[in-house]
């Protein structure tokens, strides 16, 4: 690939990563708002449905996020190898770190829903 093609491929991959992070934040926020506003009033099947939809969407986004981040990191490292003057910084741990952070966010969201539905009596 030429330098121009590598720049375009890297930019496209990182653009997909940013879009996936935005979508992840949107669905996570929606789940947390639903949990806060209606969590205590929902029936168990309703919580199951909303949680299943949330985990399905979050998992799908995390799979895409991981793949796009791996691809973006690869293109960025190839660009850096081709032109050492290029402003390219690729870190091989980025895919795992981002996916881990999103996974922790999903678990924290489930904990939040649990706490809303099972308040501690004082």
PDB file of N, CA and C in Angstrom:
ATOM      1  N   UNK A   1       0.848  -1.183   0.000  1.00  0.00           N
ATOM      2  CA  UNK A   1       0.000   0.000   0.000  1.00  0.00           C
ATOM      3  C   UNK A   1       0.891   1.243   0.000  1.00  0.00           C
ATOM      4  N   UNK A   2       0.400   2.262  -0.645  1.00  0.00           N
ATOM      5  CA  UNK A   2       1.115   3.529  -0.623  1.00  0.00           C
ATOM      6  C   UNK A   2       0.838   4.246   0.695  1.00  0.00           C
ATOM      7  N   UNK A   3       1.626   5.288   0.948  1.00  0.00           N
ATOM      8  CA  UNK A   3       1.436   6.052   2.177  1.00  0.00           C
ATOM      9  C   UNK A   3       0.046   6.673   2.230  1.00  0.00           C
ATOM     10  N   UNK A   4      -0.417   7.180   1.109  1.00  0.00           N
ATOM     11  CA  UNK A   4      -1.745   7.793   1.057  1.00  0.00           C
ATOM     12  C   UNK A   4      -2.836   6.775   1.352  1.00  0.00           C
ATOM     13  N   UNK A   5      -2.700   5.579   0.801  1.00  0.00           N
ATOM     14  CA  UNK A   5      -3.692   4.528   1.062  1.00  0.00           C
ATOM     15  C   UNK A   5      -3.678   4.103   2.525  1.00  0.00           C
ATOM     16  N   UNK A   6      -2.484   4.035   3.106  1.00  0.00           N
ATOM     17  CA  UNK A   6      -2.394   3.680   4.531  1.00  0.00           C
ATOM     18  C   UNK A   6      -3.038   4.745   5.411  1.00  0.00           C
ATOM     19  N   UNK A   7      -2.808   6.010   5.080  1.00  0.00           N
ATOM     20  CA  UNK A   7      -3.426   7.094   5.849  1.00  0.00           C
ATOM     21  C   UNK A   7      -4.938   6.995   5.747  1.00  0.00           C
ATOM     22  N   UNK A   8      -5.440   6.781   4.544  1.00  0.00           N
ATOM     23  CA  UNK A   8      -6.899   6.683   4.345  1.00  0.00           C
ATOM     24  C   UNK A   8      -7.477   5.470   5.080  1.00  0.00           C
ATOM     25  N   UNK A   9      -6.800   4.332   4.994  1.00  0.00           N
ATOM     26  CA  UNK A   9      -7.283   3.122   5.671  1.00  0.00           C
ATOM     27  C   UNK A   9      -7.263   3.301   7.185  1.00  0.00           C
ATOM     28  N   UNK A  10      -6.181   3.878   7.708  1.00  0.00           N
ATOM     29  CA  UNK A  10      -6.096   4.107   9.154  1.00  0.00           C
ATOM     30  C   UNK A  10      -7.183   5.074   9.608  1.00  0.00           C
ATOM     31  N   UNK A  11      -7.360   6.166   8.872  1.00  0.00           N
ATOM     32  CA  UNK A  11      -8.398   7.139   9.241  1.00  0.00           C
ATOM     33  C   UNK A  11      -9.783   6.519   9.204  1.00  0.00           C
ATOM     34  N   UNK A  12     -10.050   5.682   8.215  1.00  0.00           N
ATOM     35  CA  UNK A  12     -11.357   5.022   8.124  1.00  0.00           C
ATOM     36  C   UNK A  12     -11.586   4.089   9.311  1.00  0.00           C
ATOM     37  N   UNK A  13     -10.566   3.327   9.663  1.00  0.00           N
ATOM     38  CA  UNK A  13     -10.697   2.404  10.787  1.00  0.00           C
ATOM     39  C   UNK A  13     -10.909   3.160  12.100  1.00  0.00           C
ATOM     40  N   UNK A  14     -10.118   4.214  12.323  1.00  0.00           N
ATOM     41  CA  UNK A  14     -10.268   4.979  13.562  1.00  0.00           C
ATOM     42  C   UNK A  14     -11.596   5.721  13.600  1.00  0.00           C
ATOM     43  N   UNK A  15     -12.101   6.101  12.443  1.00  0.00           N
ATOM     44  CA  UNK A  15     -13.426   6.741  12.385  1.00  0.00           C
ATOM     45  C   UNK A  15     -14.508   5.752  12.823  1.00  0.00           C
ATOM     46  N   UNK A  16     -14.378   4.514  12.400  1.00  0.00           N
ATOM     47  CA  UNK A  16     -15.325   3.481  12.825  1.00  0.00           C
ATOM     48  C   UNK A  16     -15.229   3.236  14.335  1.00  0.00           C
ATOM     49  N   UNK A  17     -14.024   3.294  14.881  1.00  0.00           N
ATOM     50  CA  UNK A  17     -13.836   3.121  16.327  1.00  0.00           C
ATOM     51  C   UNK A  17     -14.569   4.227  17.089  1.00  0.00           C
ATOM     52  N   UNK A  18     -14.390   5.464  16.633  1.00  0.00           N
ATOM     53  CA  UNK A  18     -15.048   6.591  17.301  1.00  0.00           C
ATOM     54  C   UNK A  18     -16.564   6.465  17.197  1.00  0.00           C
ATOM     55  N   UNK A  19     -17.062   6.057  16.040  1.00  0.00           N
ATOM     56  CA  UNK A  19     -18.510   5.869  15.871  1.00  0.00           C
ATOM     57  C   UNK A  19     -19.037   4.764  16.779  1.00  0.00           C
ATOM     58  N   UNK A  20     -18.293   3.665  16.882  1.00  0.00           N
ATOM     59  CA  UNK A  20     -18.712   2.563  17.755  1.00  0.00           C
ATOM     60  C   UNK A  20     -18.722   2.995  19.213  1.00  0.00           C
ATOM     61  N   UNK A  21     -17.733   3.781  19.627  1.00  0.00           N
ATOM     62  CA  UNK A  21     -17.718   4.277  21.003  1.00  0.00           C
ATOM     63  C   UNK A  21     -18.907   5.188  21.274  1.00  0.00           C
ATOM     64  N   UNK A  22     -19.262   6.007  20.295  1.00  0.00           N
ATOM     65  CA  UNK A  22     -20.441   6.866  20.446  1.00  0.00           C
ATOM     66  C   UNK A  22     -21.719   6.056  20.568  1.00  0.00           C
ATOM     67  N   UNK A  23     -21.843   5.028  19.740  1.00  0.00           N
ATOM     68  CA  UNK A  23     -23.029   4.163  19.811  1.00  0.00           C
ATOM     69  C   UNK A  23     -23.057   3.401  21.136  1.00  0.00           C
ATOM     70  N   UNK A  24     -21.896   2.939  21.598  1.00  0.00           N
ATOM     71  CA  UNK A  24     -21.821   2.246  22.886  1.00  0.00           C
ATOM     72  C   UNK A  24     -22.281   3.157  24.013  1.00  0.00           C
ATOM     73  N   UNK A  25     -21.789   4.393  24.007  1.00  0.00           N
ATOM     74  CA  UNK A  25     -22.187   5.339  25.056  1.00  0.00           C
ATOM     75  C   UNK A  25     -23.682   5.635  24.987  1.00  0.00           C
ATOM     76  N   UNK A  26     -24.237   5.697  23.797  1.00  0.00           N
ATOM     77  CA  UNK A  26     -25.664   5.962  23.634  1.00  0.00           C
ATOM     78  C   UNK A  26     -26.507   4.835  24.217  1.00  0.00           C
ATOM     79  N   UNK A  27     -26.192   3.586  23.865  1.00  0.00           N
ATOM     80  CA  UNK A  27     -27.026   2.489  24.369  1.00  0.00           C
ATOM     81  C   UNK A  27     -26.807   2.258  25.862  1.00  0.00           C
ATOM     82  N   UNK A  28     -25.587   2.496  26.334  1.00  0.00           N
ATOM     83  CA  UNK A  28     -25.338   2.355  27.768  1.00  0.00           C
ATOM     84  C   UNK A  28     -26.094   3.429  28.545  1.00  0.00           C
ATOM     85  N   UNK A  29     -26.067   4.654  28.048  1.00  0.00           N
ATOM     86  CA  UNK A  29     -26.811   5.737  28.696  1.00  0.00           C
ATOM     87  C   UNK A  29     -28.307   5.448  28.697  1.00  0.00           C
ATOM     88  N   UNK A  30     -28.819   4.939  27.588  1.00  0.00           N
ATOM     89  CA  UNK A  30     -30.245   4.610  27.509  1.00  0.00           C
ATOM     90  C   UNK A  30     -30.616   3.531  28.529  1.00  0.00           C
ATOM     91  N   UNK A  31     -29.760   2.527  28.661  1.00  0.00           N
ATOM     92  CA  UNK A  31     -30.018   1.457  29.629  1.00  0.00           C
ATOM     93  C   UNK A  31     -30.002   2.004  31.056  1.00  0.00           C
ATOM     94  N   UNK A  32     -29.016   2.843  31.362  1.00  0.00           N
ATOM     95  CA  UNK A  32     -28.912   3.404  32.707  1.00  0.00           C
ATOM     96  C   UNK A  32     -30.080   4.336  33.024  1.00  0.00           C
ATOM     97  N   UNK A  33     -30.506   5.118  32.046  1.00  0.00           N
ATOM     98  CA  UNK A  33     -31.660   6.010  32.258  1.00  0.00           C
ATOM     99  C   UNK A  33     -32.925   5.190  32.476  1.00  0.00           C
ATOM    100  N   UNK A  34     -33.100   4.147  31.665  1.00  0.00           N
ATOM    101  CA  UNK A  34     -34.266   3.274  31.850  1.00  0.00           C
ATOM    102  C   UNK A  34     -34.224   2.605  33.218  1.00  0.00           C
ATOM    103  N   UNK A  35     -33.043   2.174  33.631  1.00  0.00           N
ATOM    104  CA  UNK A  35     -32.907   1.543  34.953  1.00  0.00           C
ATOM    105  C   UNK A  35     -33.259   2.533  36.056  1.00  0.00           C
ATOM    106  N   UNK A  36     -32.772   3.749  35.935  1.00  0.00           N
ATOM    107  CA  UNK A  36     -33.005   4.743  36.975  1.00  0.00           C
ATOM    108  C   UNK A  36     -34.467   5.170  37.043  1.00  0.00           C
ATOM    109  N   UNK A  37     -35.066   5.421  35.882  1.00  0.00           N
ATOM    110  CA  UNK A  37     -36.430   5.947  35.859  1.00  0.00           C
ATOM    111  C   UNK A  37     -37.501   4.882  36.071  1.00  0.00           C
ATOM    112  N   UNK A  38     -37.274   3.685  35.542  1.00  0.00           N
ATOM    113  CA  UNK A  38     -38.335   2.686  35.584  1.00  0.00           C
ATOM    114  C   UNK A  38     -37.902   1.339  36.145  1.00  0.00           C
ATOM    115  N   UNK A  39     -36.642   1.194  36.510  1.00  0.00           N
ATOM    116  CA  UNK A  39     -36.122  -0.106  36.940  1.00  0.00           C
ATOM    117  C   UNK A  39     -36.901  -0.758  38.056  1.00  0.00           C
ATOM    118  N   UNK A  40     -37.281   0.013  39.066  1.00  0.00           N
ATOM    119  CA  UNK A  40     -37.998  -0.557  40.214  1.00  0.00           C
ATOM    120  C   UNK A  40     -39.410  -0.983  39.850  1.00  0.00           C
ATOM    121  N   UNK A  41     -39.981  -0.399  38.797  1.00  0.00           N
ATOM    122  CA  UNK A  41     -41.356  -0.702  38.402  1.00  0.00           C
ATOM    123  C   UNK A  41     -41.455  -1.814  37.365  1.00  0.00           C
ATOM    124  N   UNK A  42     -40.333  -2.196  36.759  1.00  0.00           N
ATOM    125  CA  UNK A  42     -40.362  -3.206  35.707  1.00  0.00           C
ATOM    126  C   UNK A  42     -40.550  -4.602  36.296  1.00  0.00           C
ATOM    127  N   UNK A  43     -41.236  -5.436  35.548  1.00  0.00           N
ATOM    128  CA  UNK A  43     -41.370  -6.839  35.950  1.00  0.00           C
ATOM    129  C   UNK A  43     -40.076  -7.574  35.585  1.00  0.00           C
ATOM    130  N   UNK A  44     -39.916  -8.761  36.118  1.00  0.00           N
ATOM    131  CA  UNK A  44     -38.719  -9.547  35.829  1.00  0.00           C
ATOM    132  C   UNK A  44     -38.578  -9.846  34.336  1.00  0.00           C
ATOM    133  N   UNK A  45     -39.650 -10.256  33.631  1.00  0.00           N
ATOM    134  CA  UNK A  45     -39.495 -10.463  32.183  1.00  0.00           C
ATOM    135  C   UNK A  45     -39.119  -9.181  31.428  1.00  0.00           C
ATOM    136  N   UNK A  46     -39.652  -8.049  31.855  1.00  0.00           N
ATOM    137  CA  UNK A  46     -39.306  -6.787  31.199  1.00  0.00           C
ATOM    138  C   UNK A  46     -37.828  -6.462  31.389  1.00  0.00           C
ATOM    139  N   UNK A  47     -37.326  -6.672  32.591  1.00  0.00           N
ATOM    140  CA  UNK A  47     -35.893  -6.451  32.852  1.00  0.00           C
ATOM    141  C   UNK A  47     -35.062  -7.417  32.018  1.00  0.00           C
ATOM    142  N   UNK A  48     -35.514  -8.642  31.900  1.00  0.00           N
ATOM    143  CA  UNK A  48     -34.802  -9.634  31.082  1.00  0.00           C
ATOM    144  C   UNK A  48     -34.725  -9.218  29.629  1.00  0.00           C
ATOM    145  N   UNK A  49     -35.846  -8.699  29.110  1.00  0.00           N
ATOM    146  CA  UNK A  49     -35.871  -8.270  27.709  1.00  0.00           C
ATOM    147  C   UNK A  49     -34.937  -7.088  27.490  1.00  0.00           C
ATOM    148  N   UNK A  50     -35.055  -6.059  28.323  1.00  0.00           N
ATOM    149  CA  UNK A  50     -34.217  -4.871  28.139  1.00  0.00           C
ATOM    150  C   UNK A  50     -32.741  -5.202  28.352  1.00  0.00           C
ATOM    151  N   UNK A  51     -32.447  -6.083  29.299  1.00  0.00           N
ATOM    152  CA  UNK A  51     -31.052  -6.464  29.552  1.00  0.00           C
ATOM    153  C   UNK A  51     -30.490  -7.311  28.408  1.00  0.00           C
ATOM    154  N   UNK A  52     -31.319  -8.205  27.860  1.00  0.00           N
ATOM    155  CA  UNK A  52     -30.878  -9.020  26.719  1.00  0.00           C
ATOM    156  C   UNK A  52     -30.603  -8.150  25.497  1.00  0.00           C
ATOM    157  N   UNK A  53     -31.476  -7.182  25.256  1.00  0.00           N
ATOM    158  CA  UNK A  53     -31.244  -6.261  24.133  1.00  0.00           C
ATOM    159  C   UNK A  53     -29.968  -5.447  24.356  1.00  0.00           C
ATOM    160  N   UNK A  54     -29.783  -4.998  25.584  1.00  0.00           N
ATOM    161  CA  UNK A  54     -28.587  -4.212  25.908  1.00  0.00           C
ATOM    162  C   UNK A  54     -27.317  -5.031  25.708  1.00  0.00           C
ATOM    163  N   UNK A  55     -27.280  -6.245  26.241  1.00  0.00           N
ATOM    164  CA  UNK A  55     -26.075  -7.065  26.122  1.00  0.00           C
ATOM    165  C   UNK A  55     -25.819  -7.448  24.665  1.00  0.00           C
ATOM    166  N   UNK A  56     -26.879  -7.670  23.896  1.00  0.00           N
ATOM    167  CA  UNK A  56     -26.715  -7.997  22.477  1.00  0.00           C
ATOM    168  C   UNK A  56     -26.106  -6.825  21.717  1.00  0.00           C
ATOM    169  N   UNK A  57     -26.654  -5.646  21.926  1.00  0.00           N
ATOM    170  CA  UNK A  57     -26.129  -4.462  21.240  1.00  0.00           C
ATOM    171  C   UNK A  57     -24.717  -4.136  21.710  1.00  0.00           C
ATOM    172  N   UNK A  58     -24.468  -4.181  23.009  1.00  0.00           N
ATOM    173  CA  UNK A  58     -23.134  -3.858  23.538  1.00  0.00           C
ATOM    174  C   UNK A  58     -22.098  -4.872  23.044  1.00  0.00           C
ATOM    175  N   UNK A  59     -22.456  -6.140  23.020  1.00  0.00           N
ATOM    176  CA  UNK A  59     -21.529  -7.170  22.551  1.00  0.00           C
ATOM    177  C   UNK A  59     -21.207  -6.997  21.077  1.00  0.00           C
ATOM    178  N   UNK A  60     -22.227  -6.721  20.286  1.00  0.00           N
ATOM    179  CA  UNK A  60     -22.018  -6.495  18.859  1.00  0.00           C
ATOM    180  C   UNK A  60     -21.090  -5.307  18.629  1.00  0.00           C
ATOM    181  N   UNK A  61     -21.325  -4.237  19.362  1.00  0.00           N
ATOM    182  CA  UNK A  61     -20.466  -3.063  19.227  1.00  0.00           C
ATOM    183  C   UNK A  61     -19.045  -3.352  19.701  1.00  0.00           C
ATOM    184  N   UNK A  62     -18.894  -4.109  20.769  1.00  0.00           N
ATOM    185  CA  UNK A  62     -17.555  -4.412  21.269  1.00  0.00           C
ATOM    186  C   UNK A  62     -16.776  -5.308  20.304  1.00  0.00           C
ATOM    187  N   UNK A  63     -17.470  -6.222  19.633  1.00  0.00           N
ATOM    188  CA  UNK A  63     -16.808  -7.060  18.630  1.00  0.00           C
ATOM    189  C   UNK A  63     -16.309  -6.184  17.478  1.00  0.00           C
ATOM    190  N   UNK A  64     -17.174  -5.293  17.005  1.00  0.00           N
ATOM    191  CA  UNK A  64     -16.766  -4.364  15.949  1.00  0.00           C
ATOM    192  C   UNK A  64     -15.658  -3.442  16.413  1.00  0.00           C
ATOM    193  N   UNK A  65     -15.792  -2.925  17.619  1.00  0.00           N
ATOM    194  CA  UNK A  65     -14.786  -2.028  18.183  1.00  0.00           C
ATOM    195  C   UNK A  65     -13.421  -2.710  18.240  1.00  0.00           C
ATOM    196  N   UNK A  66     -13.409  -3.946  18.686  1.00  0.00           N
ATOM    197  CA  UNK A  66     -12.142  -4.680  18.762  1.00  0.00           C
ATOM    198  C   UNK A  66     -11.529  -4.843  17.367  1.00  0.00           C
ATOM    199  N   UNK A  67     -12.329  -5.290  16.419  1.00  0.00           N
ATOM    200  CA  UNK A  67     -11.819  -5.516  15.064  1.00  0.00           C
ATOM    201  C   UNK A  67     -11.327  -4.235  14.404  1.00  0.00           C
ATOM    202  N   UNK A  68     -12.100  -3.170  14.523  1.00  0.00           N
ATOM    203  CA  UNK A  68     -11.700  -1.899  13.908  1.00  0.00           C
ATOM    204  C   UNK A  68     -10.467  -1.321  14.573  1.00  0.00           C
ATOM    205  N   UNK A  69     -10.327  -1.519  15.883  1.00  0.00           N
ATOM    206  CA  UNK A  69      -9.158  -1.024  16.592  1.00  0.00           C
ATOM    207  C   UNK A  69      -7.914  -1.823  16.197  1.00  0.00           C
ATOM    208  N   UNK A  70      -8.051  -3.127  16.056  1.00  0.00           N
ATOM    209  CA  UNK A  70      -6.933  -3.953  15.590  1.00  0.00           C
ATOM    210  C   UNK A  70      -6.502  -3.491  14.196  1.00  0.00           C
ATOM    211  N   UNK A  71      -7.477  -3.297  13.330  1.00  0.00           N
ATOM    212  CA  UNK A  71      -7.167  -2.864  11.967  1.00  0.00           C
ATOM    213  C   UNK A  71      -6.537  -1.476  11.960  1.00  0.00           C
ATOM    214  N   UNK A  72      -7.086  -0.550  12.730  1.00  0.00           N
ATOM    215  CA  UNK A  72      -6.528   0.798  12.803  1.00  0.00           C
ATOM    216  C   UNK A  72      -5.107   0.795  13.337  1.00  0.00           C
ATOM    217  N   UNK A  73      -4.863  -0.024  14.359  1.00  0.00           N
ATOM    218  CA  UNK A  73      -3.512  -0.132  14.923  1.00  0.00           C
ATOM    219  C   UNK A  73      -2.534  -0.701  13.898  1.00  0.00           C
ATOM    220  N   UNK A  74      -3.008  -1.697  13.144  1.00  0.00           N
ATOM    221  CA  UNK A  74      -2.150  -2.297  12.110  1.00  0.00           C
ATOM    222  C   UNK A  74      -1.782  -1.263  11.049  1.00  0.00           C
ATOM    223  N   UNK A  75      -2.785  -0.572  10.522  1.00  0.00           N
ATOM    224  CA  UNK A  75      -2.504   0.427   9.488  1.00  0.00           C
ATOM    225  C   UNK A  75      -1.628   1.548  10.022  1.00  0.00           C
ATOM    226  N   UNK A  76      -1.844   1.933  11.267  1.00  0.00           N
ATOM    227  CA  UNK A  76      -1.029   2.990  11.869  1.00  0.00           C
ATOM    228  C   UNK A  76       0.418   2.545  12.021  1.00  0.00           C
ATOM    229  N   UNK A  77       0.634   1.310  12.455  1.00  0.00           N
ATOM    230  CA  UNK A  77       2.010   0.817  12.597  1.00  0.00           C
ATOM    231  C   UNK A  77       2.678   0.648  11.238  1.00  0.00           C
ATOM    232  N   UNK A  78       1.921   0.219  10.231  1.00  0.00           N
ATOM    233  CA  UNK A  78       2.468   0.123   8.876  1.00  0.00           C
ATOM    234  C   UNK A  78       2.860   1.497   8.345  1.00  0.00           C
ATOM    235  N   UNK A  79       2.045   2.495   8.634  1.00  0.00           N
ATOM    236  CA  UNK A  79       2.348   3.860   8.219  1.00  0.00           C
ATOM    237  C   UNK A  79       3.616   4.357   8.908  1.00  0.00           C
ATOM    238  N   UNK A  80       3.745   4.078  10.184  1.00  0.00           N
ATOM    239  CA  UNK A  80       4.939   4.492  10.930  1.00  0.00           C
ATOM    240  C   UNK A  80       6.188   3.793  10.396  1.00  0.00           C
ATOM    241  N   UNK A  81       6.057   2.538   9.985  1.00  0.00           N
ATOM    242  CA  UNK A  81       7.201   1.811   9.432  1.00  0.00           C
ATOM    243  C   UNK A  81       7.587   2.352   8.061  1.00  0.00           C
ATOM    244  N   UNK A  82       6.599   2.796   7.305  1.00  0.00           N
ATOM    245  CA  UNK A  82       6.855   3.311   5.960  1.00  0.00           C
ATOM    246  C   UNK A  82       7.466   4.707   6.001  1.00  0.00           C
ATOM    247  N   UNK A  83       7.003   5.522   6.934  1.00  0.00           N
ATOM    248  CA  UNK A  83       7.470   6.901   7.031  1.00  0.00           C
ATOM    249  C   UNK A  83       7.643   7.245   8.506  1.00  0.00           C
ATOM    250  N   UNK A  84       8.879   7.295   8.944  1.00  0.00           N
ATOM    251  CA  UNK A  84       9.132   7.549  10.358  1.00  0.00           C
ATOM    252  C   UNK A  84       8.776   8.977  10.766  1.00  0.00           C
ATOM    253  N   UNK A  85       8.619   9.879   9.802  1.00  0.00           N
ATOM    254  CA  UNK A  85       8.223  11.253  10.098  1.00  0.00           C
ATOM    255  C   UNK A  85       6.710  11.408  10.253  1.00  0.00           C
ATOM    256  N   UNK A  86       5.957  10.386   9.880  1.00  0.00           N
ATOM    257  CA  UNK A  86       4.493  10.462   9.958  1.00  0.00           C
ATOM    258  C   UNK A  86       4.069  10.508  11.425  1.00  0.00           C
ATOM    259  N   UNK A  87       3.065  11.288  11.674  1.00  0.00           N
ATOM    260  CA  UNK A  87       2.530  11.389  13.037  1.00  0.00           C
ATOM    261  C   UNK A  87       1.633  10.182  13.279  1.00  0.00           C
ATOM    262  N   UNK A  88       2.258   9.043  13.507  1.00  0.00           N
ATOM    263  CA  UNK A  88       1.514   7.799  13.683  1.00  0.00           C
ATOM    264  C   UNK A  88       1.969   7.110  14.953  1.00  0.00           C
ATOM    265  N   UNK A  89       1.038   6.863  15.825  1.00  0.00           N
ATOM    266  CA  UNK A  89       1.339   6.163  17.067  1.00  0.00           C
ATOM    267  C   UNK A  89       0.378   4.993  17.192  1.00  0.00           C
ATOM    268  N   UNK A  90       0.887   3.803  17.043  1.00  0.00           N
ATOM    269  CA  UNK A  90       0.054   2.618  17.191  1.00  0.00           C
ATOM    270  C   UNK A  90       0.446   1.858  18.444  1.00  0.00           C
ATOM    271  N   UNK A  91      -0.519   1.512  19.219  1.00  0.00           N
ATOM    272  CA  UNK A  91      -0.266   0.757  20.436  1.00  0.00           C
ATOM    273  C   UNK A  91      -1.043  -0.546  20.341  1.00  0.00           C
ATOM    274  N   UNK A  92      -0.355  -1.654  20.482  1.00  0.00           N
ATOM    275  CA  UNK A  92      -0.997  -2.952  20.290  1.00  0.00           C
ATOM    276  C   UNK A  92      -1.972  -3.310  21.404  1.00  0.00           C
ATOM    277  N   UNK A  93      -1.926  -2.607  22.529  1.00  0.00           N
ATOM    278  CA  UNK A  93      -2.828  -2.934  23.639  1.00  0.00           C
ATOM    279  C   UNK A  93      -4.158  -2.192  23.549  1.00  0.00           C
ATOM    280  N   UNK A  94      -4.277  -1.244  22.651  1.00  0.00           N
ATOM    281  CA  UNK A  94      -5.502  -0.446  22.553  1.00  0.00           C
ATOM    282  C   UNK A  94      -6.750  -1.304  22.366  1.00  0.00           C
ATOM    283  N   UNK A  95      -6.750  -2.306  21.466  1.00  0.00           N
ATOM    284  CA  UNK A  95      -7.979  -3.107  21.310  1.00  0.00           C
ATOM    285  C   UNK A  95      -8.423  -3.784  22.598  1.00  0.00           C
ATOM    286  N   UNK A  96      -7.484  -4.354  23.333  1.00  0.00           N
ATOM    287  CA  UNK A  96      -7.846  -5.062  24.561  1.00  0.00           C
ATOM    288  C   UNK A  96      -8.282  -4.084  25.642  1.00  0.00           C
ATOM    289  N   UNK A  97      -7.605  -2.960  25.734  1.00  0.00           N
ATOM    290  CA  UNK A  97      -7.953  -1.968  26.755  1.00  0.00           C
ATOM    291  C   UNK A  97      -9.359  -1.417  26.501  1.00  0.00           C
ATOM    292  N   UNK A  98      -9.651  -1.005  25.263  1.00  0.00           N
ATOM    293  CA  UNK A  98     -10.973  -0.451  24.961  1.00  0.00           C
ATOM    294  C   UNK A  98     -12.084  -1.478  25.172  1.00  0.00           C
ATOM    295  N   UNK A  99     -11.853  -2.701  24.730  1.00  0.00           N
ATOM    296  CA  UNK A  99     -12.859  -3.746  24.905  1.00  0.00           C
ATOM    297  C   UNK A  99     -13.059  -4.065  26.384  1.00  0.00           C
ATOM    298  N   UNK A 100     -11.984  -4.073  27.156  1.00  0.00           N
ATOM    299  CA  UNK A 100     -12.096  -4.330  28.599  1.00  0.00           C
ATOM    300  C   UNK A 100     -12.868  -3.221  29.307  1.00  0.00           C
ATOM    301  N   UNK A 101     -12.580  -1.978  28.943  1.00  0.00           N
ATOM    302  CA  UNK A 101     -13.296  -0.854  29.552  1.00  0.00           C
ATOM    303  C   UNK A 101     -14.787  -0.931  29.234  1.00  0.00           C
ATOM    304  N   UNK A 102     -15.115  -1.241  27.991  1.00  0.00           N
ATOM    305  CA  UNK A 102     -16.535  -1.358  27.618  1.00  0.00           C
ATOM    306  C   UNK A 102     -17.190  -2.537  28.346  1.00  0.00           C
ATOM    307  N   UNK A 103     -16.477  -3.634  28.494  1.00  0.00           N
ATOM    308  CA  UNK A 103     -17.018  -4.788  29.230  1.00  0.00           C
ATOM    309  C   UNK A 103     -17.285  -4.435  30.688  1.00  0.00           C
ATOM    310  N   UNK A 104     -16.366  -3.696  31.289  1.00  0.00           N
ATOM    311  CA  UNK A 104     -16.584  -3.260  32.676  1.00  0.00           C
ATOM    312  C   UNK A 104     -17.793  -2.318  32.756  1.00  0.00           C
ATOM    313  N   UNK A 105     -17.994  -1.504  31.727  1.00  0.00           N
ATOM    314  CA  UNK A 105     -19.154  -0.623  31.687  1.00  0.00           C
ATOM    315  C   UNK A 105     -20.462  -1.402  31.634  1.00  0.00           C
ATOM    316  N   UNK A 106     -20.469  -2.495  30.885  1.00  0.00           N
ATOM    317  CA  UNK A 106     -21.665  -3.348  30.816  1.00  0.00           C
ATOM    318  C   UNK A 106     -21.939  -3.970  32.183  1.00  0.00           C
ATOM    319  N   UNK A 107     -20.900  -4.503  32.814  1.00  0.00           N
ATOM    320  CA  UNK A 107     -21.075  -5.104  34.141  1.00  0.00           C
ATOM    321  C   UNK A 107     -21.523  -4.065  35.171  1.00  0.00           C
ATOM    322  N   UNK A 108     -20.952  -2.867  35.106  1.00  0.00           N
ATOM    323  CA  UNK A 108     -21.361  -1.806  36.028  1.00  0.00           C
ATOM    324  C   UNK A 108     -22.817  -1.409  35.786  1.00  0.00           C
ATOM    325  N   UNK A 109     -23.256  -1.430  34.541  1.00  0.00           N
ATOM    326  CA  UNK A 109     -24.648  -1.106  34.220  1.00  0.00           C
ATOM    327  C   UNK A 109     -25.600  -2.147  34.799  1.00  0.00           C
ATOM    328  N   UNK A 110     -25.217  -3.425  34.694  1.00  0.00           N
ATOM    329  CA  UNK A 110     -26.038  -4.477  35.292  1.00  0.00           C
ATOM    330  C   UNK A 110     -26.090  -4.328  36.815  1.00  0.00           C
ATOM    331  N   UNK A 111     -24.974  -3.975  37.411  1.00  0.00           N
ATOM    332  CA  UNK A 111     -24.945  -3.742  38.868  1.00  0.00           C
ATOM    333  C   UNK A 111     -25.862  -2.585  39.246  1.00  0.00           C
ATOM    334  N   UNK A 112     -25.857  -1.538  38.441  1.00  0.00           N
ATOM    335  CA  UNK A 112     -26.721  -0.390  38.673  1.00  0.00           C
ATOM    336  C   UNK A 112     -28.191  -0.820  38.628  1.00  0.00           C
ATOM    337  N   UNK A 113     -28.560  -1.598  37.609  1.00  0.00           N
ATOM    338  CA  UNK A 113     -29.946  -2.088  37.494  1.00  0.00           C
ATOM    339  C   UNK A 113     -30.284  -2.956  38.714  1.00  0.00           C
ATOM    340  N   UNK A 114     -29.367  -3.813  39.132  1.00  0.00           N
ATOM    341  CA  UNK A 114     -29.600  -4.661  40.296  1.00  0.00           C
ATOM    342  C   UNK A 114     -29.851  -3.808  41.542  1.00  0.00           C
ATOM    343  N   UNK A 115     -29.030  -2.792  41.735  1.00  0.00           N
ATOM    344  CA  UNK A 115     -29.178  -1.929  42.917  1.00  0.00           C
ATOM    345  C   UNK A 115     -30.501  -1.169  42.903  1.00  0.00           C
ATOM    346  N   UNK A 116     -30.949  -0.749  41.748  1.00  0.00           N
ATOM    347  CA  UNK A 116     -32.235  -0.042  41.638  1.00  0.00           C
ATOM    348  C   UNK A 116     -33.380  -0.997  41.966  1.00  0.00           C
ATOM    349  N   UNK A 117     -33.270  -2.234  41.492  1.00  0.00           N
ATOM    350  CA  UNK A 117     -34.360  -3.200  41.689  1.00  0.00           C
ATOM    351  C   UNK A 117     -34.330  -3.849  43.069  1.00  0.00           C
ATOM    352  N   UNK A 118     -33.202  -3.825  43.736  1.00  0.00           N
ATOM    353  CA  UNK A 118     -33.070  -4.436  45.068  1.00  0.00           C
ATOM    354  C   UNK A 118     -32.466  -3.436  46.036  1.00  0.00           C
ATOM    355  N   UNK A 119     -33.238  -2.418  46.417  1.00  0.00           N
ATOM    356  CA  UNK A 119     -32.676  -1.409  47.319  1.00  0.00           C
ATOM    357  C   UNK A 119     -32.410  -2.008  48.706  1.00  0.00           C
ATOM    358  N   UNK A 120     -31.369  -1.495  49.332  1.00  0.00           N
ATOM    359  CA  UNK A 120     -31.030  -1.960  50.677  1.00  0.00           C
ATOM    360  C   UNK A 120     -31.939  -1.286  51.667  1.00  0.00           C
ATOM    361  N   UNK A 121     -32.466  -2.078  52.577  1.00  0.00           N
ATOM    362  CA  UNK A 121     -33.345  -1.532  53.603  1.00  0.00           C
ATOM    363  C   UNK A 121     -32.482  -1.089  54.777  1.00  0.00           C
ATOM    364  N   UNK A 122     -32.732   0.128  55.254  1.00  0.00           N
ATOM    365  CA  UNK A 122     -31.931   0.643  56.373  1.00  0.00           C
ATOM    366  C   UNK A 122     -32.781   0.842  57.593  1.00  0.00           C
TER     367      UNK A 122
END
